[in-house]
N, C-alpha and C. Protein backbone atom coordinates (compact mmCIF):
# COMPACT_ATOMS: atom_id res chain seq x y z
N THR A 1 107.54 108.91 92.58
CA THR A 1 107.15 109.28 91.25
C THR A 1 106.50 110.67 91.27
N LEU A 2 106.42 111.22 90.07
CA LEU A 2 106.04 112.51 89.81
C LEU A 2 104.33 112.60 89.95
N SER A 3 103.82 113.80 90.44
CA SER A 3 102.28 113.88 90.41
C SER A 3 101.84 114.30 89.17
N LEU A 4 102.78 114.92 88.32
CA LEU A 4 102.33 115.12 86.87
C LEU A 4 102.45 113.98 85.97
N VAL A 5 101.43 113.69 85.25
CA VAL A 5 101.57 112.54 84.40
C VAL A 5 101.06 112.80 82.99
N ASP A 6 101.26 111.85 82.13
CA ASP A 6 100.75 112.05 80.77
C ASP A 6 99.19 111.73 80.72
N PRO A 7 98.46 112.56 80.07
CA PRO A 7 96.96 112.44 79.92
C PRO A 7 96.51 110.99 79.50
N ASP A 8 97.38 110.43 78.60
CA ASP A 8 97.11 109.12 78.05
C ASP A 8 97.12 107.89 79.19
N GLN A 9 97.85 108.25 80.27
CA GLN A 9 98.16 107.27 81.23
C GLN A 9 96.75 106.63 81.78
N ARG A 10 95.76 107.55 81.94
CA ARG A 10 94.58 107.03 82.56
C ARG A 10 93.91 106.21 81.70
N GLU A 11 93.86 106.29 80.40
CA GLU A 11 93.28 105.35 79.37
C GLU A 11 94.05 103.94 79.26
N ARG A 12 95.38 104.17 79.35
CA ARG A 12 96.23 103.07 79.27
C ARG A 12 96.08 102.08 80.39
N TYR A 13 95.80 102.68 81.57
CA TYR A 13 95.71 101.86 82.80
C TYR A 13 94.16 101.57 83.20
N GLY A 14 93.32 101.85 82.32
CA GLY A 14 91.97 101.65 82.48
C GLY A 14 91.15 102.45 83.61
N LEU A 15 91.76 103.71 83.76
CA LEU A 15 91.16 104.70 84.66
C LEU A 15 90.50 105.83 83.87
N GLY A 16 90.11 105.57 82.61
CA GLY A 16 89.61 106.76 81.79
C GLY A 16 88.34 107.26 82.35
N ASP A 17 87.51 106.44 83.18
CA ASP A 17 86.27 107.16 83.60
C ASP A 17 86.51 107.96 84.89
N MET A 18 87.68 108.06 85.35
CA MET A 18 87.97 109.00 86.45
C MET A 18 88.45 110.37 85.94
N LYS A 19 87.85 111.51 86.39
CA LYS A 19 88.08 112.73 86.01
C LYS A 19 89.33 113.32 86.65
N ALA A 20 90.18 113.89 85.72
CA ALA A 20 91.50 114.49 86.27
C ALA A 20 91.60 115.95 86.01
N ILE A 21 92.52 116.57 86.62
CA ILE A 21 92.76 118.02 86.59
C ILE A 21 93.85 118.17 85.48
N ALA A 22 93.66 118.93 84.55
CA ALA A 22 94.59 119.24 83.38
C ALA A 22 95.20 120.65 83.63
N LEU A 23 96.51 120.81 83.54
CA LEU A 23 97.16 121.97 83.78
C LEU A 23 96.85 122.87 82.52
N ARG A 24 96.65 124.22 82.78
CA ARG A 24 96.43 125.33 81.69
C ARG A 24 97.81 125.45 80.79
N ASN A 25 98.93 125.50 81.61
CA ASN A 25 100.10 125.86 80.89
C ASN A 25 101.23 124.86 81.22
N PRO A 26 101.22 123.70 80.84
CA PRO A 26 102.22 122.69 81.31
C PRO A 26 103.45 122.95 80.51
N LEU A 27 104.60 122.48 81.28
CA LEU A 27 105.89 122.51 80.71
C LEU A 27 106.07 121.66 79.47
N SER A 28 105.46 120.42 79.56
CA SER A 28 105.43 119.57 78.46
C SER A 28 104.06 118.92 78.31
N ALA A 29 103.83 118.42 77.11
CA ALA A 29 102.45 117.72 76.83
C ALA A 29 102.43 116.46 77.64
N ASP A 30 103.52 115.73 77.79
CA ASP A 30 103.44 114.45 78.55
C ASP A 30 103.39 114.63 80.06
N LEU A 31 103.48 115.86 80.65
CA LEU A 31 103.32 116.11 82.00
C LEU A 31 102.38 117.14 82.26
N SER A 32 101.05 116.88 81.71
CA SER A 32 100.06 117.96 81.72
C SER A 32 98.76 117.71 82.56
N GLU A 33 98.86 116.68 83.43
CA GLU A 33 97.80 116.24 84.09
C GLU A 33 98.21 115.76 85.51
N LEU A 34 97.35 116.24 86.51
CA LEU A 34 97.63 115.60 87.81
C LEU A 34 97.18 114.17 87.89
N ARG A 35 97.77 113.28 88.65
CA ARG A 35 97.40 111.90 88.64
C ARG A 35 96.21 111.67 89.58
N VAL A 36 95.32 110.60 89.20
CA VAL A 36 94.28 110.22 89.98
C VAL A 36 94.52 109.01 90.71
N SER A 37 95.62 108.33 90.70
CA SER A 37 96.00 107.14 91.40
C SER A 37 97.37 107.04 91.32
N LEU A 38 97.91 106.37 92.48
CA LEU A 38 99.48 106.02 92.43
C LEU A 38 99.72 104.80 91.76
N LEU A 39 98.77 103.86 91.45
CA LEU A 39 99.04 102.56 90.93
C LEU A 39 99.72 102.66 89.51
N PRO A 40 99.25 103.38 88.59
CA PRO A 40 100.01 103.48 87.36
C PRO A 40 101.46 103.98 87.35
N SER A 41 101.72 104.78 88.42
CA SER A 41 103.07 105.25 88.60
C SER A 41 103.99 104.14 88.99
N LEU A 42 103.41 103.37 90.04
CA LEU A 42 104.18 102.19 90.47
C LEU A 42 104.44 100.98 89.42
N LEU A 43 103.23 100.85 88.60
CA LEU A 43 103.45 99.91 87.35
C LEU A 43 104.55 100.43 86.54
N GLU A 44 104.70 101.68 86.42
CA GLU A 44 105.70 102.29 85.50
C GLU A 44 107.03 101.98 86.07
N VAL A 45 107.10 101.97 87.42
CA VAL A 45 108.37 101.65 88.07
C VAL A 45 108.75 100.23 87.75
N VAL A 46 107.74 99.30 87.80
CA VAL A 46 107.96 97.84 87.55
C VAL A 46 108.41 97.78 85.96
N ARG A 47 107.77 98.43 85.17
CA ARG A 47 108.09 98.40 83.76
C ARG A 47 109.58 98.91 83.49
N ARG A 48 109.89 99.93 84.15
CA ARG A 48 111.29 100.45 83.95
C ARG A 48 112.39 99.48 84.53
N ASN A 49 112.03 98.71 85.65
CA ASN A 49 112.92 97.88 86.25
C ASN A 49 113.12 96.60 85.31
N ARG A 50 111.97 96.27 84.82
CA ARG A 50 111.99 94.94 83.96
C ARG A 50 112.75 95.18 82.58
N ALA A 51 112.73 96.57 82.14
CA ALA A 51 113.37 96.77 80.98
C ALA A 51 114.92 96.76 81.10
N VAL A 52 115.37 96.81 82.41
CA VAL A 52 116.85 96.72 82.55
C VAL A 52 117.26 95.34 83.22
N GLY A 53 116.30 94.49 83.20
CA GLY A 53 116.54 93.12 83.72
C GLY A 53 116.15 92.75 85.00
N GLU A 54 115.62 93.67 85.79
CA GLU A 54 115.20 93.44 87.28
C GLU A 54 113.69 92.92 87.35
N ARG A 55 113.46 91.64 87.57
CA ARG A 55 112.08 91.14 87.45
C ARG A 55 111.42 91.29 88.87
N ASP A 56 112.26 91.16 89.88
CA ASP A 56 111.60 91.06 91.10
C ASP A 56 111.49 92.57 91.93
N VAL A 57 110.47 93.18 91.93
CA VAL A 57 110.44 94.59 92.43
C VAL A 57 109.41 94.51 93.57
N GLN A 58 109.69 95.19 94.75
CA GLN A 58 108.83 95.38 95.94
C GLN A 58 109.07 96.77 96.18
N ALA A 59 107.96 97.68 96.11
CA ALA A 59 108.08 99.04 96.14
C ALA A 59 106.90 99.60 96.78
N PHE A 60 107.02 100.75 97.47
CA PHE A 60 105.74 101.38 97.98
C PHE A 60 106.06 103.04 97.81
N GLU A 61 104.81 103.66 97.72
CA GLU A 61 104.89 105.13 97.68
C GLU A 61 103.82 105.81 98.59
N ALA A 62 104.17 106.72 99.22
CA ALA A 62 103.19 107.57 99.97
C ALA A 62 103.27 109.01 99.32
N GLY A 63 102.11 109.19 98.65
CA GLY A 63 102.03 110.51 97.80
C GLY A 63 100.70 111.00 97.67
N ARG A 64 100.53 112.00 96.95
CA ARG A 64 99.19 112.63 96.62
C ARG A 64 98.53 112.34 95.33
N ILE A 65 97.18 112.25 95.41
CA ILE A 65 96.42 112.25 94.15
C ILE A 65 95.50 113.44 94.17
N HIS A 66 95.09 113.71 93.01
CA HIS A 66 94.31 115.01 92.76
C HIS A 66 92.93 114.56 91.99
N ARG A 67 91.82 115.16 92.48
CA ARG A 67 90.65 115.01 91.90
C ARG A 67 89.83 116.28 91.68
N PRO A 68 89.06 116.55 90.49
CA PRO A 68 88.60 117.87 90.51
C PRO A 68 87.34 118.01 91.32
N GLY A 69 86.91 119.07 91.68
CA GLY A 69 85.66 119.30 92.54
C GLY A 69 85.56 120.85 92.40
N ASP A 70 84.55 121.43 93.36
CA ASP A 70 84.39 122.81 93.45
C ASP A 70 85.84 123.54 93.60
N LEU A 71 86.53 122.95 94.49
CA LEU A 71 87.91 123.24 94.68
C LEU A 71 88.67 121.85 94.45
N ALA A 72 89.94 121.98 93.94
CA ALA A 72 90.63 120.68 93.67
C ALA A 72 90.77 119.88 94.94
N VAL A 73 90.50 118.62 94.90
CA VAL A 73 90.66 117.75 96.12
C VAL A 73 92.03 117.11 96.16
N GLU A 74 92.77 117.16 97.10
CA GLU A 74 94.15 116.50 97.15
C GLU A 74 94.11 115.58 98.33
N GLU A 75 94.37 114.26 98.18
CA GLU A 75 94.39 113.14 98.99
C GLU A 75 95.80 112.52 99.24
N GLN A 76 96.18 112.21 100.39
CA GLN A 76 97.30 111.42 100.70
C GLN A 76 96.96 109.95 100.52
N ARG A 77 97.72 109.26 99.70
CA ARG A 77 97.55 107.81 99.46
C ARG A 77 98.78 107.11 99.79
N LEU A 78 98.69 105.76 100.03
CA LEU A 78 99.78 104.77 100.23
C LEU A 78 99.62 103.81 99.09
N ALA A 79 100.45 103.39 98.34
CA ALA A 79 100.41 102.44 97.31
C ALA A 79 101.54 101.31 97.39
N ILE A 80 101.37 100.21 97.17
CA ILE A 80 102.26 99.05 97.33
C ILE A 80 102.30 98.29 95.91
N VAL A 81 103.51 97.78 95.50
CA VAL A 81 103.42 96.98 94.40
C VAL A 81 104.53 95.78 94.73
N LEU A 82 104.15 94.62 94.35
CA LEU A 82 105.00 93.33 94.54
C LEU A 82 105.05 92.62 93.30
N ALA A 83 106.08 92.47 92.55
CA ALA A 83 106.23 91.90 91.29
C ALA A 83 107.33 90.83 91.26
N GLY A 84 107.02 89.73 90.52
CA GLY A 84 108.02 88.67 90.43
C GLY A 84 108.05 87.80 91.68
N HIS A 85 109.16 87.59 92.44
CA HIS A 85 109.22 86.77 93.64
C HIS A 85 109.77 87.74 94.76
N LEU A 86 109.15 87.50 95.94
CA LEU A 86 109.59 88.25 97.08
C LEU A 86 110.88 87.79 97.50
N GLY A 87 111.80 88.81 97.76
CA GLY A 87 113.16 88.35 98.11
C GLY A 87 114.20 88.04 96.95
N GLY A 88 113.64 88.08 95.77
CA GLY A 88 114.38 87.85 94.66
C GLY A 88 114.84 86.52 94.48
N GLU A 89 115.96 86.08 93.83
CA GLU A 89 116.24 84.75 93.54
C GLU A 89 117.68 84.56 94.30
N ALA A 90 117.95 83.24 94.82
CA ALA A 90 119.06 82.98 95.54
C ALA A 90 119.51 81.66 95.15
N TRP A 91 120.68 81.15 95.60
CA TRP A 91 121.04 79.89 95.19
C TRP A 91 120.07 78.59 95.86
N THR A 92 119.43 79.02 96.87
CA THR A 92 118.51 78.15 97.53
C THR A 92 117.23 78.07 96.77
N GLY A 93 117.03 78.99 95.91
CA GLY A 93 115.70 78.99 95.04
C GLY A 93 114.96 80.34 95.30
N SER A 94 114.00 80.58 94.43
CA SER A 94 113.26 81.87 94.60
C SER A 94 112.45 81.95 95.66
N GLY A 95 112.08 83.16 96.11
CA GLY A 95 111.22 83.57 97.19
C GLY A 95 109.73 83.26 96.60
N ALA A 96 108.76 83.42 97.51
CA ALA A 96 107.39 83.32 97.23
C ALA A 96 106.85 84.17 96.08
N PRO A 97 105.98 83.78 95.16
CA PRO A 97 105.55 84.53 94.14
C PRO A 97 104.91 85.87 94.69
N ALA A 98 104.95 86.96 94.07
CA ALA A 98 104.25 88.23 94.45
C ALA A 98 102.82 88.20 94.10
N ASP A 99 102.05 87.42 94.44
CA ASP A 99 100.62 87.22 94.00
C ASP A 99 99.70 87.70 95.11
N PHE A 100 98.38 87.60 94.78
CA PHE A 100 97.26 88.07 95.70
C PHE A 100 97.46 87.68 97.12
N SER A 101 97.81 86.41 97.46
CA SER A 101 97.98 86.06 98.79
C SER A 101 99.26 86.75 99.47
N SER A 102 100.27 86.95 98.80
CA SER A 102 101.33 87.77 99.24
C SER A 102 101.02 89.19 99.60
N MET A 103 100.30 89.76 98.88
CA MET A 103 99.70 91.08 99.13
C MET A 103 98.84 91.14 100.35
N VAL A 104 97.94 90.13 100.53
CA VAL A 104 97.05 90.01 101.48
C VAL A 104 98.00 89.84 102.88
N ALA A 105 99.02 89.06 102.82
CA ALA A 105 99.88 88.99 104.01
C ALA A 105 100.47 90.31 104.53
N VAL A 106 100.99 90.99 103.37
CA VAL A 106 101.64 92.25 103.63
C VAL A 106 100.63 93.21 104.32
N VAL A 107 99.48 93.45 103.69
CA VAL A 107 98.43 94.28 104.17
C VAL A 107 97.91 93.83 105.42
N ASP A 108 97.76 92.52 105.77
CA ASP A 108 97.32 92.20 107.12
C ASP A 108 98.29 92.55 108.29
N ALA A 109 99.57 92.37 107.87
CA ALA A 109 100.69 92.78 108.80
C ALA A 109 100.62 94.28 109.02
N LEU A 110 100.47 94.99 107.98
CA LEU A 110 100.34 96.48 108.14
C LEU A 110 99.34 96.88 109.09
N PHE A 111 98.17 96.49 108.91
CA PHE A 111 96.92 96.94 109.63
C PHE A 111 97.05 96.27 111.14
N SER A 112 97.60 95.15 111.14
CA SER A 112 97.90 94.48 112.63
C SER A 112 98.70 95.28 113.33
N ARG A 113 99.80 95.71 112.67
CA ARG A 113 100.93 96.62 113.39
C ARG A 113 100.22 97.90 113.85
N LEU A 114 99.43 98.51 113.00
CA LEU A 114 98.63 99.75 113.34
C LEU A 114 97.61 99.63 114.37
N GLY A 115 97.30 98.32 114.63
CA GLY A 115 95.98 98.06 115.59
C GLY A 115 94.76 98.27 115.05
N ILE A 116 94.66 98.18 113.67
CA ILE A 116 93.29 98.34 113.13
C ILE A 116 92.74 97.08 112.82
N ALA A 117 91.55 96.69 113.22
CA ALA A 117 90.81 95.39 112.83
C ALA A 117 90.12 95.56 111.51
N ALA A 118 90.89 95.25 110.41
CA ALA A 118 90.35 95.38 109.19
C ALA A 118 89.88 94.10 108.57
N ARG A 119 89.05 94.15 107.71
CA ARG A 119 88.48 92.90 106.95
C ARG A 119 88.48 93.21 105.51
N ARG A 120 88.39 92.04 104.77
CA ARG A 120 88.35 92.11 103.32
C ARG A 120 87.05 91.70 102.80
N GLU A 121 86.71 92.37 101.56
CA GLU A 121 85.51 92.03 100.91
C GLU A 121 85.90 91.85 99.41
N ARG A 122 85.57 90.81 98.72
CA ARG A 122 85.78 90.50 97.35
C ARG A 122 85.01 91.56 96.50
N ASP A 123 85.51 91.41 95.28
CA ASP A 123 84.85 92.19 94.16
C ASP A 123 85.09 93.67 94.28
N THR A 124 86.13 94.26 93.97
CA THR A 124 86.29 95.63 94.01
C THR A 124 85.68 96.51 92.84
N GLY A 125 85.67 95.87 91.72
CA GLY A 125 85.18 96.72 90.47
C GLY A 125 86.24 97.59 90.00
N HIS A 126 87.45 97.47 90.50
CA HIS A 126 88.42 98.38 89.93
C HIS A 126 89.09 97.81 88.62
N ALA A 127 89.00 98.73 87.69
CA ALA A 127 89.42 98.49 86.44
C ALA A 127 90.85 97.74 86.09
N LEU A 128 91.80 98.09 87.09
CA LEU A 128 93.07 97.75 86.93
C LEU A 128 93.40 96.37 87.63
N LEU A 129 92.47 95.78 88.47
CA LEU A 129 92.72 94.75 89.25
C LEU A 129 91.80 93.42 88.63
N HIS A 130 92.38 92.31 88.82
CA HIS A 130 91.74 91.02 88.42
C HIS A 130 90.47 90.93 89.24
N PRO A 131 89.28 90.76 88.59
CA PRO A 131 87.92 90.65 89.14
C PRO A 131 87.96 89.49 90.30
N GLY A 132 88.56 88.41 90.13
CA GLY A 132 88.48 87.34 90.93
C GLY A 132 89.56 87.31 92.08
N ARG A 133 90.59 88.22 91.84
CA ARG A 133 91.73 88.25 92.85
C ARG A 133 92.00 89.60 93.39
N ALA A 134 90.95 90.21 93.91
CA ALA A 134 90.85 91.63 94.42
C ALA A 134 89.93 91.79 95.51
N ALA A 135 90.26 92.71 96.35
CA ALA A 135 89.32 92.92 97.61
C ALA A 135 89.41 94.49 98.00
N ARG A 136 88.45 94.71 98.71
CA ARG A 136 88.46 96.01 99.36
C ARG A 136 88.64 95.77 100.81
N ILE A 137 89.42 96.89 101.32
CA ILE A 137 89.81 96.69 102.86
C ILE A 137 88.83 97.69 103.59
N LEU A 138 88.21 97.15 104.69
CA LEU A 138 87.38 97.96 105.40
C LEU A 138 87.44 97.69 106.85
N ALA A 139 87.08 98.63 107.70
CA ALA A 139 86.93 98.60 109.14
C ALA A 139 85.55 99.12 109.44
N GLY A 140 84.63 98.57 109.90
CA GLY A 140 83.24 99.21 110.10
C GLY A 140 82.81 99.58 108.81
N ASP A 141 82.36 100.80 108.71
CA ASP A 141 81.81 101.30 107.44
C ASP A 141 82.89 102.23 106.70
N ILE A 142 84.14 102.16 107.19
CA ILE A 142 85.08 102.92 106.52
C ILE A 142 85.78 102.14 105.65
N GLU A 143 85.88 102.60 104.31
CA GLU A 143 86.78 101.69 103.36
C GLU A 143 88.11 102.56 103.27
N PHE A 144 89.17 101.65 103.44
CA PHE A 144 90.48 102.11 103.36
C PHE A 144 91.09 102.17 101.93
N GLY A 145 90.85 101.21 101.08
CA GLY A 145 91.26 101.03 99.85
C GLY A 145 91.09 99.70 99.24
N VAL A 146 92.05 99.32 98.26
CA VAL A 146 91.92 98.12 97.50
C VAL A 146 93.07 97.32 97.38
N LEU A 147 93.15 96.11 97.08
CA LEU A 147 94.35 95.23 96.87
C LEU A 147 94.02 94.18 95.94
N GLY A 148 94.86 93.74 95.18
CA GLY A 148 94.64 92.54 94.26
C GLY A 148 95.78 92.53 93.34
N GLU A 149 95.68 91.39 92.38
CA GLU A 149 96.52 91.20 91.19
C GLU A 149 96.15 92.12 90.11
N ILE A 150 97.13 92.33 89.22
CA ILE A 150 96.76 93.20 88.14
C ILE A 150 95.89 92.35 87.15
N HIS A 151 94.95 92.94 86.42
CA HIS A 151 94.16 92.41 85.50
C HIS A 151 94.90 91.64 84.36
N PRO A 152 94.58 90.41 84.04
CA PRO A 152 95.38 89.87 83.00
C PRO A 152 95.42 90.42 81.60
N GLY A 153 94.26 91.13 81.26
CA GLY A 153 94.18 91.71 79.99
C GLY A 153 95.09 93.08 80.05
N LYS A 154 95.05 93.83 81.11
CA LYS A 154 95.98 95.03 81.41
C LYS A 154 97.37 94.57 81.38
N ALA A 155 97.74 93.41 81.90
CA ALA A 155 99.09 93.04 82.02
C ALA A 155 99.63 92.76 80.54
N LEU A 156 98.78 92.11 79.75
CA LEU A 156 99.05 91.70 78.52
C LEU A 156 99.37 93.06 77.53
N GLU A 157 98.41 94.10 77.81
CA GLU A 157 98.43 95.22 77.04
C GLU A 157 99.77 95.97 77.44
N LEU A 158 100.11 95.94 78.65
CA LEU A 158 101.28 96.71 79.28
C LEU A 158 102.65 95.95 79.09
N ASP A 159 102.62 94.68 78.38
CA ASP A 159 103.52 93.77 78.29
C ASP A 159 104.42 93.38 79.64
N LEU A 160 103.47 93.12 80.61
CA LEU A 160 103.91 92.77 81.96
C LEU A 160 103.58 91.37 82.12
N ASP A 161 104.59 90.46 82.42
CA ASP A 161 104.11 89.00 82.67
C ASP A 161 104.62 88.72 84.19
N GLY A 162 104.08 87.56 84.55
CA GLY A 162 104.28 86.99 85.95
C GLY A 162 103.33 87.62 86.86
N PRO A 163 103.44 87.32 88.20
CA PRO A 163 102.41 87.79 89.19
C PRO A 163 102.95 89.26 89.61
N ILE A 164 101.97 90.12 89.60
CA ILE A 164 102.02 91.47 90.08
C ILE A 164 100.99 91.75 90.92
N ALA A 165 101.21 92.13 92.10
CA ALA A 165 100.15 92.44 93.04
C ALA A 165 100.12 93.93 93.47
N LEU A 166 98.98 94.60 93.66
CA LEU A 166 98.94 95.92 93.88
C LEU A 166 98.08 96.39 94.96
N ALA A 167 98.28 97.36 95.75
CA ALA A 167 97.34 97.89 96.76
C ALA A 167 97.44 99.35 96.87
N GLU A 168 96.28 100.04 97.03
CA GLU A 168 96.27 101.42 97.40
C GLU A 168 95.21 101.92 98.41
N PHE A 169 95.84 102.67 99.31
CA PHE A 169 95.01 103.08 100.51
C PHE A 169 94.92 104.55 100.72
N ASP A 170 93.87 105.00 101.41
CA ASP A 170 93.66 106.39 101.84
C ASP A 170 94.43 106.72 103.20
N LEU A 171 95.33 107.28 103.01
CA LEU A 171 96.26 107.50 104.39
C LEU A 171 95.55 108.22 105.44
N ALA A 172 94.73 109.31 105.11
CA ALA A 172 93.76 110.08 105.98
C ALA A 172 92.87 109.01 106.77
N ALA A 173 92.22 108.08 106.10
CA ALA A 173 91.32 107.17 106.72
C ALA A 173 92.09 106.32 107.78
N ILE A 174 93.21 105.82 107.28
CA ILE A 174 94.12 105.02 108.10
C ILE A 174 94.50 105.63 109.28
N SER A 175 94.89 106.96 109.23
CA SER A 175 95.43 107.79 110.33
C SER A 175 94.39 107.95 111.35
N ALA A 176 93.08 108.24 110.80
CA ALA A 176 91.96 108.44 111.69
C ALA A 176 91.49 107.22 112.40
N ALA A 177 91.73 106.07 111.86
CA ALA A 177 91.37 104.78 112.42
C ALA A 177 92.36 104.17 113.49
N VAL A 178 93.76 104.63 113.45
CA VAL A 178 94.61 104.02 114.31
C VAL A 178 94.31 104.40 115.88
N PRO A 179 94.25 103.40 116.69
CA PRO A 179 93.74 103.80 118.13
C PRO A 179 94.85 104.14 118.95
N GLY A 180 94.62 105.21 119.67
CA GLY A 180 95.66 105.61 120.66
C GLY A 180 97.09 105.93 120.10
N ILE A 181 97.08 106.93 119.31
CA ILE A 181 98.35 107.45 118.87
C ILE A 181 98.94 108.27 119.83
N SER A 182 100.33 107.86 120.15
CA SER A 182 101.15 108.49 121.16
C SER A 182 101.89 109.58 120.63
N ALA A 183 101.96 110.59 121.33
CA ALA A 183 102.74 111.81 120.97
C ALA A 183 104.18 111.50 121.53
N PHE A 184 105.19 111.83 120.69
CA PHE A 184 106.58 111.73 121.12
C PHE A 184 106.96 112.89 121.99
N GLY A 185 107.52 112.52 123.03
CA GLY A 185 108.22 113.62 124.00
C GLY A 185 109.71 113.48 123.71
N GLY A 186 110.21 114.75 123.50
CA GLY A 186 111.61 115.03 123.14
C GLY A 186 112.64 114.35 124.26
N MET A 187 113.73 114.01 123.82
CA MET A 187 114.79 113.40 124.71
C MET A 187 115.47 114.49 125.34
N SER A 188 115.89 114.41 126.59
CA SER A 188 116.72 115.35 127.27
C SER A 188 118.08 115.70 126.51
N PRO A 189 118.45 116.94 126.39
CA PRO A 189 119.72 117.07 125.82
C PRO A 189 120.90 116.90 126.80
N PHE A 190 120.49 116.63 128.08
CA PHE A 190 121.49 116.39 129.10
C PHE A 190 121.63 114.89 129.42
N PRO A 191 123.02 114.34 129.59
CA PRO A 191 122.99 113.07 129.81
C PRO A 191 122.57 112.76 131.29
N PRO A 192 121.98 111.53 131.50
CA PRO A 192 121.55 111.32 132.76
C PRO A 192 122.72 111.21 133.92
N VAL A 193 122.31 111.43 135.12
CA VAL A 193 123.33 111.42 136.24
C VAL A 193 123.13 109.97 136.99
N ARG A 194 123.97 109.17 136.95
CA ARG A 194 123.78 107.89 137.52
C ARG A 194 124.61 107.77 138.95
N GLN A 195 125.59 108.58 139.10
CA GLN A 195 126.20 108.49 140.27
C GLN A 195 126.68 109.99 140.70
N ASP A 196 126.39 110.50 141.94
CA ASP A 196 126.87 111.87 142.39
C ASP A 196 128.33 111.77 142.77
N ILE A 197 129.19 112.41 141.82
CA ILE A 197 130.62 112.34 142.13
C ILE A 197 130.99 113.40 143.29
N ALA A 198 130.16 114.38 143.38
CA ALA A 198 130.59 115.33 144.50
C ALA A 198 130.39 114.78 145.94
């Protein structure tokens, strides 16, 4: 998705209290601000898919967000959205609903694969997430991000029904916490010699 967004998007998605960087000379009024979160962009992906009849959406994005400061702050983020049912529908039935527990399983698998012993703490205070079905992900004192279901009020405002789970993480914090990252050694351009024909 694009880093440039509509200035009204922050208010529409409950992120109005977050400061954003506005462009001085934008090409269009609806692309005149740098995004402060990846979650609204992924929810727009869900909305576009639902508009054409696709209810089951599982997507992720690794991208940049921007915040104002003395100098503009640019952060690498990872966001995930699960909507509808996992795996879609088949003649044998629908997959599991894409709810809070499904997102917890996805995030636990991600951190387990990376070798990070992360824990969850309830009550994120994130305006876009359901207060009873949301959590912060931490390891020690480091906070990686949040996960949870969309707030029912926001879902109603955005005309989104059914279970939708979201997660957003700081990629720099995750990269720093991964133990023992291995460097890749290039493969030899020459084939191995298994038998000396000479």
